[in-house]
Amino acid sequence: MRSPSRGASRLAALMLALLTACGGCHKTDAERAAEERAKIEKQIRDSNTLVPYRALKLTLRAYGTAEQPEAVTALWEMVLETQKLPQRELTQEETRQAAATYLKLAIAFYRAKQTLREHDEDDYPLLWTKLELAKQTAPEPLFPGYDNGMEHLFEGLLLVMLDTADQGNRLPMTDLTLYEFSRATPRPEWPALLRTVSRAGRGLSFMQGRYHYASEEELTAYVTEVEALPEVDLRLLGQLSQRGATPERTREGLLAAGYFLRAWNRMQLKRDEPAADDVERGLKSLEKLGIENELTWWGWAFVHYRRENYAEAAVNLDKLARSPYLDEPTRQELQTSAEELRQHGKSLPIFRQHRAALILVRALVARAGGMEEILVTLLGEERARQVYAPVAWMDRVVHGLAAVKSEDVVREAGGVMDKALEAGNQGLSTLKAKLGGVLPGGAGASAGSGPP
């Protein structure tokens, strides 16, 4: 007869072996983040929606250089045609002319696509340099140490701001921002502040692309690096800002942004308690800055809700509902949510919806006077105009290309399209699908104004 002690020992050993084996059943956050980063690279590599955007940037940077691809010349000439479009609402005749211009641009793009596929934009002069030369002014670096990575960083940040201000959600922005921030690789000679900001950019773009574990890594690193930033680097942002913020205020502002971003990402991971902790820390930073607005009202509502202080949460939702920067349906929804909190204290979708983030950000942008006004405040009027205009122009050109019918491109090209065209057509079709087909008002409406 087998002894009970020996049987119990074997059972314990078997359970221990099973537990050890199962240790690999649950991946760590770091393992999940590594998998997501590999998926991000694949998404960028395989993206069709990036084709028009990258081709346009390469054309702008390659034109006029000794190594300029031959097919770029025709494409560049058509890009210049977009600069003649009026910067106002178009008449019916001007709308037809704009549509014709973008059709010709699409044809030139797809004829050149095979050549463009063999070149990379970063092999050519910086976009900032080419734009300065186009204005017949001596090119000066936008910032000390300005290079390819820094240009990708600023372009990514501007794309995020454009997407935020885009009430219609027209642009397939996720692939564009992933592309820009993936190339925003800091160099040792960059100011520490910009290296840190590049972390925030990647964290934000990963979160928007639903790569939440990779975003957690980047945003956690961002918060840590902000806390360690030396005063000399914080003064850099204060000098750029027209308000001349002190290093202490700059640090608190950067920390608040990091905590709120990480909190929102943690909500997507259903980690509400750590998210509430982050929101509370961000609110303390905003309190030090003397800031009270839609973000603080929502933040305190969320923190009180998680702490089961439902009456206090409802009071802050009431404040948010009274904001003049919200539309009437949103105000009514917030008031209903506040009343629900007072009566039942049940889970409220307003705290987790992606739309809630859009409500807050757009209200804050409106409170600040719009995206261009924010840039003016941060950079000054002249530099803001220089920084904003090229990206806004490319935004309009991408919209104009998206409104072109693929069958028109094939017909007008005279049957010369090859496999490169077929692949490119997929990019145009994908882009149009994400934009919901032809934009309201046709090509002229979507490109209603010309370049800067």
Protein backbone atom coordinates (compact mmCIF):
# COMPACT_ATOMS: atom_id res chain seq x y z
CA MET A 1 0.00 0.00 0.00
CA ARG A 2 1.36 3.45 -1.07
CA SER A 3 2.07 5.70 1.91
CA PRO A 4 -0.16 8.81 2.20
CA SER A 5 2.85 11.05 2.67
CA ARG A 6 4.46 9.84 -0.57
CA GLY A 7 1.20 10.38 -2.49
CA ALA A 8 0.81 13.87 -1.10
CA SER A 9 4.40 14.68 -2.03
CA ARG A 10 3.90 13.52 -5.60
CA LEU A 11 0.68 15.52 -5.87
CA ALA A 12 2.43 18.62 -4.54
CA ALA A 13 5.28 18.10 -7.01
CA LEU A 14 2.82 17.70 -9.88
CA MET A 15 0.97 20.91 -8.91
CA LEU A 16 4.27 22.79 -8.65
CA ALA A 17 5.31 21.57 -12.10
CA LEU A 18 1.96 22.65 -13.55
CA LEU A 19 2.23 26.08 -11.94
CA THR A 20 5.78 26.49 -13.24
CA ALA A 21 4.73 25.49 -16.75
CA CYS A 22 1.78 27.85 -16.61
CA GLY A 23 4.13 30.71 -15.81
CA GLY A 24 4.55 31.07 -19.55
CA CYS A 25 0.78 31.19 -20.11
CA HIS A 26 0.57 34.80 -19.00
CA LYS A 27 2.83 37.18 -20.87
CA THR A 28 4.43 40.05 -19.05
CA ASP A 29 3.73 43.65 -20.01
CA ALA A 30 7.23 43.87 -21.46
CA GLU A 31 6.63 40.80 -23.67
CA ARG A 32 3.31 42.20 -24.88
CA ALA A 33 4.95 45.56 -25.57
CA ALA A 34 7.69 43.90 -27.62
CA GLU A 35 5.08 42.07 -29.69
CA GLU A 36 3.19 45.32 -30.26
CA ARG A 37 6.33 47.12 -31.41
CA ALA A 38 6.90 44.41 -34.01
CA LYS A 39 3.29 44.83 -35.17
CA ILE A 40 3.79 48.60 -35.41
CA GLU A 41 6.77 48.14 -37.72
CA LYS A 42 4.76 45.76 -39.89
CA GLN A 43 1.79 48.14 -40.01
CA ILE A 44 4.04 50.97 -41.19
CA ARG A 45 5.75 48.74 -43.76
CA ASP A 46 2.51 47.37 -45.21
CA SER A 47 0.38 50.52 -45.01
CA ASN A 48 -1.24 51.62 -48.26
CA THR A 49 -2.60 54.82 -46.74
CA LEU A 50 0.96 56.06 -46.25
CA VAL A 51 1.80 55.89 -49.95
CA PRO A 52 0.42 59.30 -51.07
CA TYR A 53 1.74 61.04 -47.97
CA ARG A 54 5.26 59.64 -48.20
CA ALA A 55 5.44 60.17 -51.95
CA LEU A 56 4.43 63.81 -51.55
CA LYS A 57 7.09 64.41 -48.89
CA LEU A 58 9.78 62.67 -50.94
CA THR A 59 8.87 64.78 -53.96
CA LEU A 60 9.16 68.00 -51.97
CA ARG A 61 12.54 67.02 -50.56
CA ALA A 62 14.07 65.46 -53.70
CA TYR A 63 13.19 68.11 -56.27
CA GLY A 64 16.16 70.12 -57.51
CA THR A 65 18.84 67.81 -56.09
CA ALA A 66 21.55 66.13 -58.15
CA GLU A 67 20.12 62.73 -57.19
CA GLN A 68 16.54 63.69 -58.02
CA PRO A 69 14.64 60.70 -59.45
CA GLU A 70 13.61 61.42 -63.04
CA ALA A 71 9.93 60.73 -62.38
CA VAL A 72 9.89 63.29 -59.57
CA THR A 73 10.07 66.21 -62.02
CA ALA A 74 6.58 65.71 -63.45
CA LEU A 75 5.17 65.05 -60.03
CA TRP A 76 6.79 68.20 -58.63
CA GLU A 77 5.30 70.31 -61.41
CA MET A 78 1.83 69.05 -60.54
CA VAL A 79 2.44 69.63 -56.83
CA LEU A 80 3.27 73.26 -57.67
CA GLU A 81 -0.07 73.52 -59.49
CA THR A 82 -1.83 73.02 -56.15
CA GLN A 83 -0.21 76.26 -54.96
CA LYS A 84 -2.34 78.19 -57.44
CA LEU A 85 -5.62 77.07 -55.87
CA PRO A 86 -7.46 79.91 -54.09
CA GLN A 87 -7.24 80.08 -50.30
CA ARG A 88 -10.98 80.50 -49.84
CA GLU A 89 -14.25 78.73 -50.55
CA LEU A 90 -14.30 77.78 -54.21
CA THR A 91 -16.86 78.73 -56.82
CA GLN A 92 -18.43 76.00 -58.96
CA GLU A 93 -15.96 76.61 -61.78
CA GLU A 94 -12.98 76.72 -59.39
CA THR A 95 -14.18 73.47 -57.85
CA ARG A 96 -14.02 71.80 -61.28
CA GLN A 97 -10.54 73.24 -61.86
CA ALA A 98 -9.36 72.00 -58.45
CA ALA A 99 -10.73 68.53 -59.18
CA ALA A 100 -8.88 68.50 -62.51
CA THR A 101 -5.65 69.60 -60.79
CA TYR A 102 -5.83 66.82 -58.24
CA LEU A 103 -6.67 64.27 -60.94
CA LYS A 104 -3.51 65.25 -62.84
CA LEU A 105 -1.53 65.09 -59.60
CA ALA A 106 -2.86 61.58 -58.91
CA ILE A 107 -1.87 60.45 -62.42
CA ALA A 108 1.63 61.90 -62.04
CA PHE A 109 1.93 60.28 -58.63
CA TYR A 110 1.04 56.78 -59.83
CA ARG A 111 3.24 57.05 -62.91
CA ALA A 112 6.14 57.92 -60.65
CA LYS A 113 5.26 55.44 -57.92
CA GLN A 114 7.68 52.69 -58.92
CA THR A 115 10.56 55.15 -58.98
CA LEU A 116 9.53 56.67 -55.67
CA ARG A 117 9.35 53.24 -54.07
CA GLU A 118 13.08 52.86 -54.63
CA HIS A 119 14.00 56.03 -52.73
CA ASP A 120 13.59 57.30 -49.18
CA GLU A 121 12.75 60.85 -48.16
CA ASP A 122 15.52 60.99 -45.55
CA ASP A 123 18.11 60.59 -48.31
CA TYR A 124 17.33 64.16 -49.42
CA PRO A 125 17.52 67.65 -47.90
CA LEU A 126 15.25 68.47 -45.00
CA LEU A 127 11.74 69.58 -45.82
CA TRP A 128 12.30 72.75 -43.78
CA THR A 129 15.37 73.59 -45.91
CA LYS A 130 13.47 73.11 -49.18
CA LEU A 131 10.56 75.25 -48.01
CA GLU A 132 12.92 78.05 -46.97
CA LEU A 133 14.68 77.91 -50.35
CA ALA A 134 11.30 78.00 -52.12
CA LYS A 135 10.65 81.31 -50.36
CA GLN A 136 14.06 82.51 -51.61
CA THR A 137 15.35 82.97 -48.10
CA ALA A 138 18.55 81.59 -46.60
CA PRO A 139 17.71 78.30 -44.86
CA GLU A 140 18.33 78.46 -41.11
CA PRO A 141 17.77 75.53 -38.73
CA LEU A 142 14.42 75.66 -37.01
CA PHE A 143 16.15 74.58 -33.78
CA PRO A 144 19.79 73.83 -32.83
CA GLY A 145 20.79 70.36 -34.04
CA TYR A 146 17.78 70.17 -36.39
CA ASP A 147 17.98 66.88 -38.32
CA ASN A 148 15.78 64.22 -39.94
CA GLY A 149 14.63 62.77 -36.64
CA MET A 150 13.74 66.17 -35.20
CA GLU A 151 11.82 67.06 -38.35
CA HIS A 152 9.84 63.81 -38.07
CA LEU A 153 9.14 64.64 -34.42
CA PHE A 154 7.72 68.07 -35.19
CA GLU A 155 5.74 66.76 -38.16
CA GLY A 156 4.27 64.04 -35.96
CA LEU A 157 3.28 66.57 -33.28
CA LEU A 158 1.65 68.82 -35.89
CA LEU A 159 -0.25 65.90 -37.37
CA VAL A 160 -1.61 65.07 -33.91
CA MET A 161 -2.76 68.68 -33.52
CA LEU A 162 -4.36 68.70 -36.96
CA ASP A 163 -6.15 65.46 -36.17
CA THR A 164 -7.38 66.91 -32.88
CA ALA A 165 -8.75 69.98 -34.61
CA ASP A 166 -10.34 67.88 -37.38
CA GLN A 167 -13.95 67.67 -36.23
CA GLY A 168 -14.89 65.39 -39.13
CA ASN A 169 -12.19 62.76 -38.45
CA ARG A 170 -11.40 62.79 -42.16
CA LEU A 171 -7.75 61.79 -42.07
CA PRO A 172 -6.49 58.22 -41.48
CA MET A 173 -4.04 59.75 -39.03
CA THR A 174 -2.92 56.65 -37.13
CA ASP A 175 -0.57 55.35 -39.82
CA LEU A 176 0.80 58.84 -40.47
CA THR A 177 1.67 59.54 -36.84
CA LEU A 178 3.08 56.04 -36.31
CA TYR A 179 5.32 56.62 -39.32
CA GLU A 180 6.55 60.04 -38.20
CA PHE A 181 7.17 59.13 -34.56
CA SER A 182 8.84 55.83 -35.47
CA ARG A 183 11.43 57.91 -37.33
CA ALA A 184 11.74 60.53 -34.60
CA THR A 185 14.81 58.79 -33.18
CA PRO A 186 16.64 61.11 -30.77
CA ARG A 187 20.35 61.72 -31.20
CA PRO A 188 22.72 62.33 -28.27
CA GLU A 189 23.17 65.98 -29.29
CA TRP A 190 19.43 66.68 -29.07
CA PRO A 191 18.32 68.76 -26.09
CA ALA A 192 17.10 66.41 -23.36
CA LEU A 193 13.71 68.09 -23.54
CA LEU A 194 13.19 67.06 -27.17
CA ARG A 195 14.35 63.52 -26.44
CA THR A 196 11.72 63.39 -23.72
CA VAL A 197 9.00 64.88 -25.94
CA SER A 198 9.73 62.19 -28.54
CA ARG A 199 8.78 59.65 -25.85
CA ALA A 200 5.43 61.38 -25.38
CA GLY A 201 4.84 61.44 -29.14
CA ARG A 202 5.45 57.72 -29.50
CA GLY A 203 3.33 56.98 -26.44
CA LEU A 204 0.44 59.02 -27.82
CA SER A 205 0.65 57.53 -31.32
CA PHE A 206 0.88 53.99 -29.93
CA MET A 207 -2.18 54.64 -27.77
CA GLN A 208 -4.13 55.98 -30.74
CA GLY A 209 -3.13 52.87 -32.68
CA ARG A 210 -4.36 50.69 -29.75
CA TYR A 211 -0.89 49.43 -28.91
CA HIS A 212 -1.45 50.04 -25.22
CA TYR A 213 1.40 48.02 -23.71
CA ALA A 214 3.99 49.75 -25.90
CA SER A 215 2.33 53.06 -25.05
CA GLU A 216 2.58 52.28 -21.32
CA GLU A 217 6.32 51.80 -21.67
CA GLU A 218 6.86 55.06 -23.54
CA LEU A 219 4.62 57.18 -21.29
CA THR A 220 6.15 55.75 -18.11
CA ALA A 221 9.62 56.56 -19.46
CA TYR A 222 8.38 60.05 -20.38
CA VAL A 223 7.15 60.80 -16.84
CA THR A 224 10.42 59.52 -15.36
CA GLU A 225 12.52 61.60 -17.75
CA VAL A 226 10.47 64.77 -17.16
CA GLU A 227 11.04 64.48 -13.42
CA ALA A 228 14.79 64.24 -14.09
CA LEU A 229 15.06 67.02 -16.68
CA PRO A 230 17.72 69.57 -15.72
CA GLU A 231 16.73 73.21 -15.37
CA VAL A 232 18.71 74.27 -18.44
CA ASP A 233 16.55 72.06 -20.67
CA LEU A 234 13.34 73.30 -19.10
CA ARG A 235 14.46 76.87 -19.81
CA LEU A 236 14.61 75.98 -23.52
CA LEU A 237 10.84 75.53 -23.68
CA GLY A 238 10.33 78.63 -21.56
CA GLN A 239 12.40 80.64 -24.04
CA LEU A 240 10.42 79.29 -27.00
CA SER A 241 7.14 80.10 -25.30
CA GLN A 242 5.85 83.63 -25.67
CA ARG A 243 4.73 83.47 -22.04
CA GLY A 244 8.25 82.81 -20.78
CA ALA A 245 7.30 80.00 -18.39
CA THR A 246 9.68 79.29 -15.53
CA PRO A 247 11.41 75.88 -15.35
CA GLU A 248 9.21 74.89 -12.40
CA ARG A 249 5.98 75.68 -14.26
CA THR A 250 7.27 74.00 -17.41
CA ARG A 251 8.02 70.80 -15.48
CA GLU A 252 4.57 70.75 -13.86
CA GLY A 253 2.90 71.27 -17.24
CA LEU A 254 4.88 68.43 -18.82
CA LEU A 255 4.14 66.15 -15.87
CA ALA A 256 0.41 66.91 -16.03
CA ALA A 257 0.35 66.01 -19.72
CA GLY A 258 2.21 62.75 -19.07
CA TYR A 259 0.03 61.67 -16.17
CA PHE A 260 -3.21 62.35 -18.05
CA LEU A 261 -1.98 60.54 -21.17
CA ARG A 262 -0.85 57.52 -19.18
CA ALA A 263 -4.12 57.52 -17.23
CA TRP A 264 -6.13 57.45 -20.44
CA ASN A 265 -4.00 54.61 -21.78
CA ARG A 266 -4.44 52.67 -18.54
CA MET A 267 -8.21 53.05 -18.83
CA GLN A 268 -7.99 51.25 -22.18
CA LEU A 269 -6.16 48.44 -20.36
CA LYS A 270 -9.02 48.41 -17.79
CA ARG A 271 -6.60 49.42 -15.04
CA ASP A 272 -8.84 52.05 -13.51
CA GLU A 273 -7.23 52.35 -10.08
CA PRO A 274 -3.73 53.14 -11.41
CA ALA A 275 -5.44 55.45 -13.91
CA ALA A 276 -7.21 57.30 -11.10
CA ASP A 277 -3.88 57.67 -9.27
CA ASP A 278 -2.34 59.19 -12.41
CA VAL A 279 -5.27 61.57 -12.91
CA GLU A 280 -4.96 62.75 -9.30
CA ARG A 281 -1.24 63.40 -9.71
CA GLY A 282 -1.90 65.29 -12.93
CA LEU A 283 -4.57 67.38 -11.19
CA LYS A 284 -2.10 68.33 -8.46
CA SER A 285 0.30 69.59 -11.13
CA LEU A 286 -2.48 71.65 -12.71
CA GLU A 287 -3.40 73.05 -9.30
CA LYS A 288 0.17 74.28 -8.88
CA LEU A 289 -0.21 76.05 -12.22
CA GLY A 290 -3.50 77.61 -11.14
CA ILE A 291 -5.41 75.92 -13.97
CA GLU A 292 -9.10 75.10 -13.78
CA ASN A 293 -10.92 74.05 -16.95
CA GLU A 294 -12.77 71.19 -18.64
CA LEU A 295 -9.89 68.80 -18.00
CA THR A 296 -9.76 69.45 -14.26
CA TRP A 297 -13.56 69.12 -13.90
CA TRP A 298 -13.54 65.82 -15.75
CA GLY A 299 -10.46 64.66 -13.83
CA TRP A 300 -11.95 65.31 -10.40
CA ALA A 301 -15.21 63.71 -11.48
CA PHE A 302 -13.30 60.58 -12.46
CA VAL A 303 -11.19 60.49 -9.28
CA HIS A 304 -14.22 61.01 -7.01
CA TYR A 305 -16.12 58.37 -8.96
CA ARG A 306 -13.34 55.80 -8.46
CA ARG A 307 -13.16 56.72 -4.76
CA GLU A 308 -16.99 56.23 -4.56
CA ASN A 309 -17.57 59.89 -3.70
CA TYR A 310 -20.46 60.02 -6.14
CA ALA A 311 -21.93 63.33 -4.96
CA GLU A 312 -18.59 65.11 -5.49
CA ALA A 313 -18.22 63.44 -8.89
CA ALA A 314 -21.65 64.71 -9.89
CA VAL A 315 -20.76 68.28 -8.84
CA ASN A 316 -17.76 68.27 -11.18
CA LEU A 317 -19.80 66.82 -14.04
CA ASP A 318 -22.24 69.68 -13.51
CA LYS A 319 -19.36 72.14 -13.87
CA LEU A 320 -18.23 70.40 -17.04
CA ALA A 321 -21.76 70.46 -18.45
CA ARG A 322 -21.87 74.26 -18.03
CA SER A 323 -18.81 74.78 -20.24
CA PRO A 324 -19.59 77.14 -23.15
CA TYR A 325 -17.21 75.11 -25.33
CA LEU A 326 -19.44 72.01 -25.44
CA ASP A 327 -22.37 71.40 -27.75
CA GLU A 328 -25.90 70.93 -26.44
CA PRO A 329 -26.12 67.09 -26.86
CA THR A 330 -22.87 66.70 -24.89
CA ARG A 331 -24.14 69.00 -22.13
CA GLN A 332 -27.34 66.99 -21.85
CA GLU A 333 -25.40 63.73 -21.67
CA LEU A 334 -23.20 65.07 -18.88
CA GLN A 335 -26.20 66.34 -16.93
CA THR A 336 -27.88 62.94 -17.26
CA SER A 337 -24.69 61.24 -16.07
CA ALA A 338 -24.46 63.58 -13.06
CA GLU A 339 -28.03 62.78 -12.09
CA GLU A 340 -27.37 59.06 -12.50
CA LEU A 341 -24.39 59.38 -10.15
CA ARG A 342 -26.49 61.10 -7.50
CA GLN A 343 -29.16 58.43 -7.62
CA HIS A 344 -27.32 55.19 -8.28
CA GLY A 345 -23.55 55.67 -8.53
CA LYS A 346 -23.40 53.16 -11.37
CA SER A 347 -20.65 52.75 -13.94
CA LEU A 348 -20.79 55.58 -16.45
CA PRO A 349 -19.61 55.06 -20.04
CA ILE A 350 -18.53 58.74 -20.20
CA PHE A 351 -15.44 57.83 -18.20
CA ARG A 352 -14.12 55.30 -20.70
CA GLN A 353 -15.39 56.33 -24.11
CA HIS A 354 -12.86 57.42 -26.69
CA ARG A 355 -15.31 60.18 -27.51
CA ALA A 356 -14.85 61.58 -24.00
CA ALA A 357 -11.23 62.33 -24.86
CA LEU A 358 -12.27 64.12 -28.03
CA ILE A 359 -14.85 66.14 -26.09
CA LEU A 360 -12.21 67.32 -23.62
CA VAL A 361 -9.43 68.04 -26.10
CA ARG A 362 -11.65 69.92 -28.51
CA ALA A 363 -13.11 71.96 -25.67
CA LEU A 364 -9.61 72.87 -24.51
CA VAL A 365 -8.53 73.76 -28.05
CA ALA A 366 -11.61 75.96 -28.46
CA ARG A 367 -10.97 77.61 -25.08
CA ALA A 368 -7.42 78.42 -26.21
CA GLY A 369 -8.69 80.07 -29.41
CA GLY A 370 -8.00 77.26 -31.89
CA MET A 371 -4.93 75.31 -32.95
CA GLU A 372 -3.21 78.16 -34.79
CA GLU A 373 -3.64 80.42 -31.76
CA ILE A 374 -2.02 77.76 -29.56
CA LEU A 375 0.97 77.66 -31.88
CA VAL A 376 1.20 81.44 -31.84
CA THR A 377 1.21 81.40 -28.04
CA LEU A 378 3.93 78.76 -27.92
CA LEU A 379 6.14 79.86 -30.80
CA GLY A 380 5.24 83.42 -31.71
CA GLU A 381 3.27 84.55 -34.73
CA GLU A 382 5.95 84.29 -37.42
CA ARG A 383 7.37 80.94 -36.39
CA ALA A 384 3.88 79.49 -35.82
CA ARG A 385 2.88 80.49 -39.33
CA GLN A 386 6.04 78.90 -40.76
CA VAL A 387 5.57 75.67 -38.83
CA TYR A 388 1.83 75.27 -39.34
CA ALA A 389 1.48 76.24 -42.99
CA PRO A 390 3.39 73.39 -44.74
CA VAL A 391 1.58 70.65 -42.85
CA ALA A 392 -1.81 72.29 -43.37
CA TRP A 393 -1.03 72.47 -47.08
CA MET A 394 -0.09 68.78 -47.22
CA ASP A 395 -3.31 68.03 -45.36
CA ARG A 396 -5.28 69.74 -48.12
CA VAL A 397 -3.32 67.98 -50.88
CA VAL A 398 -3.93 64.55 -49.31
CA HIS A 399 -7.63 65.36 -49.12
CA GLY A 400 -7.62 66.43 -52.75
CA LEU A 401 -5.97 63.16 -53.81
CA ALA A 402 -8.45 61.17 -51.72
CA ALA A 403 -11.38 62.68 -53.60
CA VAL A 404 -10.06 61.49 -56.97
CA LYS A 405 -11.82 58.46 -58.45
CA SER A 406 -9.48 55.52 -59.06
CA GLU A 407 -11.16 54.66 -62.38
CA ASP A 408 -10.51 58.22 -63.61
CA VAL A 409 -6.82 57.81 -62.88
CA VAL A 410 -6.66 54.56 -64.87
CA ARG A 411 -8.63 55.99 -67.81
CA GLU A 412 -6.70 59.28 -68.03
CA ALA A 413 -3.34 57.55 -67.70
CA GLY A 414 -3.95 55.91 -71.08
CA GLY A 415 -3.48 52.32 -70.00
CA VAL A 416 0.18 52.66 -69.07
CA MET A 417 -0.36 51.52 -65.47
CA ASP A 418 1.59 48.47 -64.34
CA LYS A 419 1.72 46.49 -61.11
CA ALA A 420 2.97 49.59 -59.33
CA LEU A 421 -0.25 51.34 -60.29
CA GLU A 422 -2.31 48.41 -59.04
CA ALA A 423 -0.57 48.55 -55.67
CA GLY A 424 -0.88 52.32 -55.62
CA ASN A 425 -4.56 52.10 -56.51
CA GLN A 426 -5.04 49.99 -53.40
CA GLY A 427 -3.51 52.85 -51.40
CA LEU A 428 -5.92 55.36 -52.92
CA SER A 429 -8.90 53.05 -52.44
CA THR A 430 -7.94 52.38 -48.83
CA LEU A 431 -7.50 56.08 -48.17
CA LYS A 432 -10.86 56.89 -49.77
CA ALA A 433 -12.55 54.15 -47.77
CA LYS A 434 -11.19 55.58 -44.54
CA LEU A 435 -12.36 59.01 -45.61
CA GLY A 436 -15.83 57.67 -46.35
CA GLY A 437 -15.62 58.03 -50.15
CA VAL A 438 -15.72 61.39 -51.88
CA LEU A 439 -15.71 64.15 -49.29
CA PRO A 440 -18.71 66.41 -48.87
CA GLY A 441 -18.69 69.06 -51.56
CA GLY A 442 -16.39 67.10 -53.86
CA ALA A 443 -12.68 67.60 -54.39
CA GLY A 444 -12.95 71.36 -54.35
CA ALA A 445 -14.61 71.38 -50.93
CA SER A 446 -12.06 69.09 -49.39
CA ALA A 447 -9.23 71.14 -50.76
CA GLY A 448 -11.11 74.33 -50.32
CA SER A 449 -8.01 76.36 -49.89
CA GLY A 450 -4.67 76.27 -51.54
CA PRO A 451 -1.23 75.98 -50.04
CA PRO A 452 0.32 78.43 -47.62
